[in-house]
Amino acid sequence: MTTKLFAASAIALASIPVPALAQHVGHDMPMPMPEQSAPPAEPDKPAEPMDHMNMDHSTMSHDQMAAGEHSGHGSMTGALGSYPMNREASGTAWQPDASEHAGIHIMSGDWTLMGHGTVNLVFDHQSGTRGDDKAFVSGHFIGTARRQLGDGTLQFRAALSPDPQMGKRGYPLLLASGETANGTDRLVDRQHPHDFFVELSASIAQNIGPAASVFLYAALPGEPAYGPPVYLHREAIMDSPEAPISHHWLDSTHISFGVLTAGVVVDRLKLEVSRFNGREPDQHRWNFETGPLDSTSARLSWNPTKSLSLQGSWGHLVDSEQLEPGVNQKRWSASALYAREIAPGWRLAGTLAWGRRTVEGHTDDGFALEAGLKHGPWTLFGRGELTENRELVEDPEEHGPAFRVGKVSLGAIHDFGIAEHLALGLGGLFAVNFVPDGLKTLYGSSNPVGAMGFVRLKVE
């Protein structure tokens, strides 16, 4: 049912200028409506009622969206509580209330349908003896269907990715590691493709007070309550087609085949606990997988201001790696996401994140600092990372010693509007990697480089 809803909304999104409905979802009392005078009635003709609902969503400013306002009429609230919709990111994760809201909204009966997506055509060059070249397609398509259900909200969401077309080896990415793409070998210096089904989820929330709610989220696949939003949805870096080398420290659980999350929201605070299938997706990227909900995570999120979102989380993953049966992991994460309009027409977003993995008594940390600056059709983005990685020296029996490696990347993209709700972007990035002396002979240099050029088609 979810996939059909997604497909129907995606077809509608790109074809027509669509009206958006701002509905007040999940408040105990309706929000007061500003008084407006109706136009004078013509003689012998009654005055027509004003239409407060049929308004173009494109007139909403970022500040209005962050405040939950829609031209002063009602509000666009979140799926898990009566807070601004802009606060929601991937899975049940939060981002700043002042974050950009990408997507097209249309109404179908009692349902609000939303959708957006991107497709990247990328040429990737990674230098040195462990580098490679590859052209590939990446991206994601997301559709949601939401409706009021009594004093709460019901939502279905589908997210799909074209990544499986890359092939089993994914794409070259120096200093990246994690998962297997063929079922027999660890991926090292390459980024694995994501599954075709990134998320198929349902959530239901019930208000228990003017600013409080409880919720339940179920998905196959989906994202448990761990870490910051996945990098594909972090405003600071979402314009980059390059995965972070810290992915398996911060947010690699975003595709888990079986998730059940329960939580409570009280104004700016959210506490949630997940039971989920902790196994990384296998090499079959087009199918569904099943397994016991054997792993646990918990996350506390706090949005102290419109521009800032903080989280701290913990996870215990059972039998997480396909090539390491019986080996469990413990993970910790903390992050701060920032977003705001710093001047008319200028937006700044940032991420500061830390993750820790403990495997068989070894504890290794990863850090990421991300920033994005947007003005008109131009977006500049950059990322700096540091990880302690035991998988860069391939050993079929066990992990090697931990090497502290780093990376800095900087890029830009220019978008050209080619139709309503459709933009074509041209971009590129350059990255410098930093390896210690113990890895220099393997990589051919202390500072191997990488570069990507890409064309992006974006629907929003």
Protein backbone atom coordinates (compact mmCIF):
# COMPACT_ATOMS: atom_id res chain seq x y z
CA MET A 1 0.00 0.00 0.00
CA THR A 2 2.83 2.40 0.92
CA THR A 3 4.67 1.89 -2.35
CA LYS A 4 1.46 2.54 -4.32
CA LEU A 5 0.87 5.75 -2.41
CA PHE A 6 4.44 6.84 -3.10
CA ALA A 7 4.19 6.10 -6.80
CA ALA A 8 0.88 7.91 -7.15
CA SER A 9 2.15 11.01 -5.38
CA ALA A 10 5.45 11.06 -7.32
CA ILE A 11 3.61 11.05 -10.67
CA ALA A 12 1.42 13.90 -9.57
CA LEU A 13 4.25 15.97 -8.15
CA ALA A 14 6.12 16.89 -11.30
CA SER A 15 3.16 17.53 -13.57
CA ILE A 16 1.01 20.32 -12.15
CA PRO A 17 1.27 23.37 -9.93
CA VAL A 18 -0.34 21.95 -6.85
CA PRO A 19 -2.21 23.62 -4.03
CA ALA A 20 -1.05 22.77 -0.55
CA LEU A 21 -3.27 22.40 2.45
CA ALA A 22 -2.03 23.50 5.83
CA GLN A 23 -4.03 21.61 8.37
CA HIS A 24 -3.83 21.86 12.12
CA VAL A 25 -3.00 18.35 13.26
CA GLY A 26 -3.08 17.12 16.81
CA HIS A 27 -3.73 20.17 19.01
CA ASP A 28 -6.20 20.02 21.87
CA MET A 29 -7.63 23.38 20.86
CA PRO A 30 -7.79 24.86 17.36
CA MET A 31 -5.39 27.69 16.71
CA PRO A 32 -7.08 31.11 16.56
CA MET A 33 -7.73 32.34 13.05
CA PRO A 34 -6.88 35.96 12.26
CA GLU A 35 -9.92 38.07 11.51
CA GLN A 36 -10.30 39.06 7.88
CA SER A 37 -13.03 40.98 6.19
CA ALA A 38 -14.88 39.41 3.34
CA PRO A 39 -15.32 41.39 0.11
CA PRO A 40 -18.58 43.34 -0.04
CA ALA A 41 -21.49 41.39 -1.48
CA GLU A 42 -22.87 42.34 -4.83
CA PRO A 43 -26.53 43.42 -4.85
CA ASP A 44 -28.91 40.47 -4.55
CA LYS A 45 -25.92 38.11 -4.23
CA PRO A 46 -24.68 36.70 -0.89
CA ALA A 47 -21.04 37.17 0.00
CA GLU A 48 -18.94 34.10 -0.79
CA PRO A 49 -17.08 32.47 2.13
CA MET A 50 -13.32 33.01 2.14
CA ASP A 51 -11.22 29.98 1.25
CA HIS A 52 -8.53 29.65 3.91
CA MET A 53 -7.32 26.24 2.78
CA ASN A 54 -6.56 26.42 -0.94
CA MET A 55 -3.25 28.26 -0.75
CA ASP A 56 -0.03 27.82 -2.68
CA HIS A 57 2.61 26.15 -0.49
CA SER A 58 5.32 28.06 -2.34
CA THR A 59 4.26 31.26 -0.52
CA MET A 60 5.50 29.84 2.78
CA SER A 61 8.72 31.37 4.06
CA HIS A 62 11.28 29.31 5.94
CA ASP A 63 10.45 31.26 9.10
CA GLN A 64 6.73 30.53 8.66
CA MET A 65 7.46 26.84 8.16
CA ALA A 66 9.71 26.75 11.21
CA ALA A 67 6.98 28.40 13.27
CA GLY A 68 4.41 25.93 11.99
CA GLU A 69 2.49 28.70 10.23
CA HIS A 70 0.88 28.64 6.82
CA SER A 71 0.08 32.18 5.76
CA GLY A 72 -1.46 32.67 9.18
CA HIS A 73 -4.01 29.88 8.77
CA GLY A 74 -3.62 26.76 10.87
CA SER A 75 -0.28 24.95 11.03
CA MET A 76 1.78 22.22 9.43
CA THR A 77 2.74 20.01 12.32
CA GLY A 78 4.95 16.95 12.64
CA ALA A 79 3.87 13.34 12.31
CA LEU A 80 4.95 12.46 15.86
CA GLY A 81 3.67 15.52 17.75
CA SER A 82 2.38 19.07 17.59
CA TYR A 83 5.70 20.70 16.73
CA PRO A 84 6.79 22.31 13.41
CA MET A 85 6.96 19.83 10.54
CA ASN A 86 10.42 21.14 9.57
CA ARG A 87 11.80 19.44 12.68
CA GLU A 88 11.44 15.97 11.14
CA ALA A 89 14.25 14.31 9.20
CA SER A 90 15.02 10.66 8.41
CA GLY A 91 13.28 7.94 10.43
CA THR A 92 12.21 9.54 13.71
CA ALA A 93 15.30 11.79 13.95
CA TRP A 94 15.05 15.53 14.49
CA GLN A 95 16.75 18.47 12.82
CA PRO A 96 16.50 22.22 13.62
CA ASP A 97 13.05 23.79 13.31
CA ALA A 98 14.58 26.38 10.96
CA SER A 99 15.75 23.71 8.49
CA GLU A 100 14.70 23.96 4.87
CA HIS A 101 11.61 21.97 3.97
CA ALA A 102 12.00 20.31 0.58
CA GLY A 103 8.96 18.73 -0.99
CA ILE A 104 5.66 19.22 -2.76
CA HIS A 105 2.39 18.95 -0.87
CA ILE A 106 -0.97 18.01 -2.33
CA MET A 107 -4.30 16.98 -0.85
CA SER A 108 -6.32 13.88 -1.63
CA GLY A 109 -9.40 13.72 0.56
CA ASP A 110 -8.27 13.54 4.19
CA TRP A 111 -4.70 12.70 3.19
CA THR A 112 -1.79 15.11 2.80
CA LEU A 113 0.68 13.71 0.25
CA MET A 114 4.27 14.93 0.16
CA GLY A 115 7.16 13.95 -2.07
CA HIS A 116 10.63 14.90 -3.24
CA GLY A 117 13.65 13.22 -4.79
CA THR A 118 17.06 13.55 -6.41
CA VAL A 119 19.02 11.58 -8.99
CA ASN A 120 22.79 12.08 -9.34
CA LEU A 121 24.92 11.02 -12.29
CA VAL A 122 28.45 11.00 -10.86
CA PHE A 123 31.94 10.50 -12.25
CA ASP A 124 34.29 9.53 -9.40
CA HIS A 125 38.11 9.56 -9.40
CA GLN A 126 40.15 8.31 -6.41
CA SER A 127 43.95 8.53 -6.75
CA GLY A 128 46.79 6.37 -5.53
CA THR A 129 47.47 2.65 -5.59
CA ARG A 130 44.15 1.87 -3.84
CA GLY A 131 42.11 4.29 -5.93
CA ASP A 132 39.85 3.70 -8.90
CA ASP A 133 37.50 5.47 -11.33
CA LYS A 134 33.79 4.88 -11.79
CA ALA A 135 30.66 6.50 -13.20
CA PHE A 136 27.50 5.70 -11.24
CA VAL A 137 23.95 6.78 -10.43
CA SER A 138 22.80 7.55 -6.90
CA GLY A 139 19.93 9.35 -5.22
CA HIS A 140 16.69 8.83 -3.37
CA PHE A 141 12.92 9.28 -3.78
CA ILE A 142 10.68 9.87 -0.77
CA GLY A 143 6.90 9.96 -0.55
CA THR A 144 4.68 10.31 2.52
CA ALA A 145 0.93 10.10 3.11
CA ARG A 146 -0.39 11.66 6.32
CA ARG A 147 -3.80 12.24 7.86
CA GLN A 148 -5.34 13.29 11.12
CA LEU A 149 -6.63 10.35 13.16
CA GLY A 150 -8.76 11.55 16.04
CA ASP A 151 -6.48 13.61 18.25
CA GLY A 152 -3.38 12.21 16.61
CA THR A 153 -1.64 11.56 13.30
CA LEU A 154 -1.17 8.55 11.04
CA GLN A 155 1.67 8.56 8.51
CA PHE A 156 3.03 6.17 5.88
CA ARG A 157 6.42 6.81 4.27
CA ALA A 158 8.30 5.16 1.41
CA ALA A 159 11.90 5.87 0.42
CA LEU A 160 13.58 4.24 -2.58
CA SER A 161 17.10 4.45 -4.01
CA PRO A 162 18.62 3.70 -7.45
CA ASP A 163 21.94 2.70 -5.77
CA PRO A 164 21.73 -1.05 -6.56
CA GLN A 165 22.43 -0.23 -10.21
CA MET A 166 26.02 0.61 -9.18
CA GLY A 167 26.78 -3.07 -8.95
CA LYS A 168 28.03 -5.14 -6.05
CA ARG A 169 31.28 -3.23 -5.55
CA GLY A 170 29.64 0.14 -4.97
CA TYR A 171 31.87 3.11 -5.83
CA PRO A 172 35.49 4.04 -5.00
CA LEU A 173 35.90 6.07 -1.80
CA LEU A 174 39.30 6.15 -0.12
CA LEU A 175 39.35 5.38 3.64
CA ALA A 176 35.75 4.13 3.64
CA SER A 177 34.96 0.66 4.96
CA GLY A 178 32.03 -1.38 6.23
CA GLU A 179 29.59 -4.07 5.10
CA THR A 180 30.08 -6.47 2.22
CA ALA A 181 28.68 -5.99 -1.25
CA ASN A 182 29.24 -9.53 -2.59
CA GLY A 183 28.71 -11.64 0.54
CA THR A 184 32.34 -12.83 0.79
CA ASP A 185 34.67 -9.79 0.94
CA ARG A 186 34.82 -6.71 3.10
CA LEU A 187 34.47 -3.45 1.26
CA VAL A 188 37.58 -1.34 1.84
CA ASP A 189 38.20 2.02 0.12
CA ARG A 190 34.75 1.70 -1.42
CA GLN A 191 31.24 2.79 -0.43
CA HIS A 192 28.56 0.11 -0.59
CA PRO A 193 25.34 0.74 -2.54
CA HIS A 194 22.20 1.28 -0.50
CA ASP A 195 19.26 -1.06 -0.87
CA PHE A 196 16.45 -0.23 -3.30
CA PHE A 197 13.99 -0.14 -0.38
CA VAL A 198 15.47 2.41 2.02
CA GLU A 199 12.35 2.85 4.14
CA LEU A 200 8.80 1.51 4.22
CA SER A 201 7.30 2.71 7.47
CA ALA A 202 4.13 3.57 9.34
CA SER A 203 3.81 5.75 12.42
CA ILE A 204 0.95 6.73 14.68
CA ALA A 205 1.02 9.48 17.30
CA GLN A 206 -1.49 10.44 19.97
CA ASN A 207 -1.57 13.78 21.76
CA ILE A 208 -1.58 13.57 25.55
CA GLY A 209 -1.42 17.32 26.18
CA PRO A 210 -1.10 20.70 24.42
CA ALA A 211 2.62 20.08 23.69
CA ALA A 212 3.01 16.37 24.50
CA SER A 213 2.44 13.15 22.57
CA VAL A 214 3.31 9.47 22.46
CA PHE A 215 4.13 7.64 19.25
CA LEU A 216 4.87 4.28 17.69
CA TYR A 217 6.97 3.79 14.52
CA ALA A 218 7.28 0.47 12.65
CA ALA A 219 9.29 -0.17 9.50
CA LEU A 220 10.62 -2.86 7.16
CA PRO A 221 13.12 -1.43 6.42
CA GLY A 222 13.54 1.70 8.49
CA GLU A 223 15.75 3.67 10.84
CA PRO A 224 16.01 2.96 14.59
CA ALA A 225 16.50 5.66 17.22
CA TYR A 226 20.26 6.02 16.93
CA GLY A 227 22.53 8.84 15.82
CA PRO A 228 21.84 12.05 13.89
CA PRO A 229 19.69 12.02 10.74
CA VAL A 230 21.36 10.02 7.98
CA TYR A 231 23.81 12.12 5.93
CA LEU A 232 21.46 12.14 2.93
CA HIS A 233 19.07 14.29 5.00
CA ARG A 234 21.45 16.57 6.87
CA GLU A 235 21.02 20.04 5.37
CA ALA A 236 24.69 20.91 5.76
CA ILE A 237 25.88 18.14 3.41
CA MET A 238 22.85 16.75 1.56
CA ASP A 239 24.01 18.36 -1.71
CA SER A 240 27.16 16.22 -1.77
CA PRO A 241 26.90 12.86 -3.57
CA GLU A 242 29.80 11.51 -1.48
CA ALA A 243 29.18 9.30 1.56
CA PRO A 244 31.15 10.16 4.72
CA ILE A 245 33.94 7.82 5.82
CA SER A 246 32.38 8.13 9.31
CA HIS A 247 29.14 6.56 8.07
CA HIS A 248 29.58 3.35 10.09
CA TRP A 249 30.25 5.31 13.28
CA LEU A 250 27.33 7.73 12.98
CA ASP A 251 24.35 6.61 10.92
CA SER A 252 24.81 3.28 9.12
CA THR A 253 21.78 1.82 10.93
CA HIS A 254 19.47 3.92 8.72
CA ILE A 255 18.49 0.80 6.72
CA SER A 256 17.50 -1.87 9.25
CA PHE A 257 15.20 -4.66 8.12
CA GLY A 258 12.81 -4.58 11.03
CA VAL A 259 12.34 -1.62 13.39
CA LEU A 260 9.89 -0.89 16.19
CA THR A 261 10.29 2.44 18.01
CA ALA A 262 8.20 3.88 20.84
CA GLY A 263 8.68 7.39 22.17
CA VAL A 264 7.31 10.38 24.00
CA VAL A 265 7.54 14.03 22.95
CA VAL A 266 7.26 16.87 25.46
CA ASP A 267 7.56 20.22 23.69
CA ARG A 268 11.25 20.45 22.63
CA LEU A 269 12.31 17.09 24.11
CA LYS A 270 11.93 13.57 22.69
CA LEU A 271 12.86 10.26 24.33
CA GLU A 272 12.59 7.07 22.26
CA VAL A 273 13.62 3.43 22.42
CA SER A 274 13.94 0.98 19.50
CA ARG A 275 14.06 -2.76 19.06
CA PHE A 276 15.42 -3.63 15.65
CA ASN A 277 17.20 -6.15 13.49
CA GLY A 278 20.85 -5.16 14.00
CA ARG A 279 22.22 -7.04 10.98
CA GLU A 280 23.65 -4.91 8.15
CA PRO A 281 21.83 -5.43 4.82
CA ASP A 282 23.29 -8.27 2.78
CA GLN A 283 24.53 -8.23 -0.83
CA HIS A 284 21.03 -8.66 -2.29
CA ARG A 285 20.06 -5.03 -2.68
CA TRP A 286 16.66 -5.39 -4.39
CA ASN A 287 14.84 -7.61 -1.90
CA PHE A 288 13.39 -7.61 1.61
CA GLU A 289 15.18 -9.27 4.50
CA THR A 290 13.78 -10.47 7.78
CA GLY A 291 15.29 -11.30 11.13
CA PRO A 292 14.64 -11.07 14.85
CA LEU A 293 14.35 -7.69 16.55
CA ASP A 294 17.41 -8.56 18.63
CA SER A 295 19.11 -5.17 19.00
CA THR A 296 18.28 -2.13 21.13
CA SER A 297 18.89 1.60 20.93
CA ALA A 298 17.77 4.69 22.83
CA ARG A 299 17.98 8.37 21.93
CA LEU A 300 17.30 11.66 23.69
CA SER A 301 16.74 14.64 21.39
CA TRP A 302 16.44 18.32 22.33
CA ASN A 303 15.77 21.37 20.15
CA PRO A 304 16.61 24.25 22.53
CA THR A 305 16.16 26.90 19.80
CA LYS A 306 14.76 27.02 16.26
CA SER A 307 18.30 26.87 14.86
CA LEU A 308 19.76 24.03 16.93
CA SER A 309 19.03 20.32 17.33
CA LEU A 310 20.95 18.11 19.78
CA GLN A 311 20.88 14.36 20.32
CA GLY A 312 22.66 11.70 22.33
CA SER A 313 22.11 7.99 21.68
CA TRP A 314 23.25 4.48 22.56
CA GLY A 315 22.91 1.19 20.71
CA HIS A 316 23.63 -2.50 21.24
CA LEU A 317 23.79 -4.31 17.89
CA VAL A 318 23.62 -8.11 17.89
CA ASP A 319 25.42 -10.05 15.13
CA SER A 320 25.69 -6.87 13.08
CA GLU A 321 28.20 -7.82 10.37
CA GLN A 322 27.46 -10.58 7.86
CA LEU A 323 31.14 -11.62 7.71
CA GLU A 324 31.52 -11.65 11.51
CA PRO A 325 28.80 -13.99 12.82
CA GLY A 326 28.31 -13.89 16.57
CA VAL A 327 30.15 -10.58 17.02
CA ASN A 328 28.16 -7.80 18.68
CA GLN A 329 28.75 -4.04 18.78
CA LYS A 330 28.06 -1.26 21.23
CA ARG A 331 27.70 2.23 19.84
CA TRP A 332 27.43 5.74 21.27
CA SER A 333 26.66 8.94 19.39
CA ALA A 334 26.20 12.66 20.06
CA SER A 335 25.56 15.42 17.56
CA ALA A 336 24.55 19.05 17.09
CA LEU A 337 22.80 20.25 13.92
CA TYR A 338 22.50 23.95 13.12
CA ALA A 339 20.46 25.77 10.45
CA ARG A 340 19.30 29.34 9.94
CA GLU A 341 18.99 32.20 7.48
CA ILE A 342 21.96 34.40 8.32
CA ALA A 343 21.03 37.24 5.93
CA PRO A 344 18.30 37.79 3.34
CA GLY A 345 18.80 35.05 0.75
CA TRP A 346 21.70 33.39 2.60
CA ARG A 347 21.34 30.11 4.53
CA LEU A 348 23.93 28.41 6.70
CA ALA A 349 23.75 24.85 8.01
CA GLY A 350 26.21 22.82 10.05
CA THR A 351 26.77 19.45 11.70
CA LEU A 352 29.11 18.42 14.50
CA ALA A 353 28.90 14.69 15.25
CA TRP A 354 30.77 12.03 17.23
CA GLY A 355 30.32 8.27 17.18
CA ARG A 356 31.98 5.43 19.08
CA ARG A 357 32.07 1.71 18.24
CA THR A 358 33.13 -1.00 20.68
CA VAL A 359 33.76 -4.41 19.08
CA GLU A 360 35.41 -7.32 20.92
CA GLY A 361 36.96 -4.99 23.49
CA HIS A 362 38.27 -2.46 20.95
CA THR A 363 36.84 1.07 21.15
CA ASP A 364 37.22 3.38 18.17
CA ASP A 365 35.90 6.91 17.60
CA GLY A 366 34.77 8.85 14.57
CA PHE A 367 34.12 12.59 14.16
CA ALA A 368 32.49 14.68 11.43
CA LEU A 369 32.19 18.43 10.91
CA GLU A 370 29.95 19.53 8.02
CA ALA A 371 28.89 22.93 6.67
CA GLY A 372 26.73 24.21 3.83
CA LEU A 373 26.19 27.78 2.61
CA LYS A 374 23.37 28.51 0.18
CA HIS A 375 22.64 31.67 -1.79
CA GLY A 376 20.19 31.66 -4.68
CA PRO A 377 21.06 28.83 -7.10
CA TRP A 378 24.52 28.28 -5.55
CA THR A 379 25.38 25.93 -2.69
CA LEU A 380 28.85 25.48 -1.20
CA PHE A 381 29.43 22.46 1.02
CA GLY A 382 32.30 20.91 2.92
CA ARG A 383 33.12 18.15 5.36
CA GLY A 384 36.04 17.29 7.64
CA GLU A 385 36.32 13.82 9.23
CA LEU A 386 38.53 11.79 11.53
CA THR A 387 38.11 8.05 12.21
CA GLU A 388 39.97 5.28 14.03
CA ASN A 389 39.67 2.43 11.55
CA ARG A 390 40.71 -1.24 12.00
CA GLU A 391 39.50 -2.44 8.59
CA LEU A 392 41.92 -0.67 6.23
CA VAL A 393 44.51 -3.45 6.46
CA GLU A 394 42.68 -6.44 5.05
CA ASP A 395 42.92 -9.56 7.19
CA PRO A 396 40.56 -12.47 6.53
CA GLU A 397 40.76 -13.60 10.15
CA GLU A 398 40.46 -10.45 12.25
CA HIS A 399 40.56 -6.67 12.27
CA GLY A 400 43.97 -5.07 12.08
CA PRO A 401 45.35 -2.31 14.30
CA ALA A 402 43.47 0.97 14.53
CA PHE A 403 44.77 3.67 12.20
CA ARG A 404 43.72 7.28 12.71
CA VAL A 405 42.84 8.65 9.28
CA GLY A 406 41.25 11.87 8.14
CA LYS A 407 39.62 13.54 5.18
CA VAL A 408 38.60 17.04 4.05
CA SER A 409 36.30 17.65 1.08
CA LEU A 410 34.93 20.84 -0.46
CA GLY A 411 32.41 21.21 -3.26
CA ALA A 412 29.78 23.36 -4.94
CA ILE A 413 26.64 22.97 -7.04
CA HIS A 414 24.64 25.40 -9.19
CA ASP A 415 20.95 24.65 -9.80
CA PHE A 416 19.08 25.69 -12.93
CA GLY A 417 15.30 25.75 -12.80
CA ILE A 418 14.01 23.85 -15.84
CA ALA A 419 10.35 23.48 -14.86
CA GLU A 420 8.09 24.08 -11.92
CA HIS A 421 9.31 21.88 -9.05
CA LEU A 422 12.21 20.60 -11.19
CA ALA A 423 15.85 21.73 -11.17
CA LEU A 424 19.01 20.58 -12.93
CA GLY A 425 22.24 20.99 -10.96
CA LEU A 426 25.88 20.92 -12.05
CA GLY A 427 28.44 20.33 -9.32
CA GLY A 428 31.79 19.01 -8.29
CA LEU A 429 33.94 18.35 -5.23
CA PHE A 430 37.58 17.78 -4.35
CA ALA A 431 38.85 15.78 -1.36
CA VAL A 432 42.21 15.33 0.34
CA ASN A 433 42.82 12.24 2.48
CA PHE A 434 45.30 11.98 5.34
CA VAL A 435 46.92 8.63 6.17
CA PRO A 436 49.62 7.87 8.75
CA ASP A 437 53.07 6.54 7.89
CA GLY A 438 51.93 2.99 8.57
CA LEU A 439 49.55 3.17 5.59
CA LYS A 440 51.62 5.33 3.23
CA THR A 441 53.05 2.39 1.27
CA LEU A 442 49.56 0.93 0.77
CA TYR A 443 48.08 4.18 -0.55
CA GLY A 444 51.16 5.39 -2.44
CA SER A 445 51.06 8.77 -0.68
CA SER A 446 50.37 10.41 2.66
CA ASN A 447 47.70 12.54 1.00
CA PRO A 448 45.86 10.71 -1.80
CA VAL A 449 43.09 12.79 -3.34
CA GLY A 450 39.63 12.22 -4.72
CA ALA A 451 37.32 14.19 -6.99
CA MET A 452 33.73 13.93 -8.22
CA GLY A 453 31.84 15.73 -10.97
CA PHE A 454 28.09 15.30 -11.03
CA VAL A 455 24.81 16.27 -12.63
CA ARG A 456 21.71 16.28 -10.43
CA LEU A 457 18.02 16.24 -11.25
CA LYS A 458 15.96 17.41 -8.27
CA VAL A 459 12.20 17.35 -7.74
CA GLU A 460 10.91 19.54 -4.90
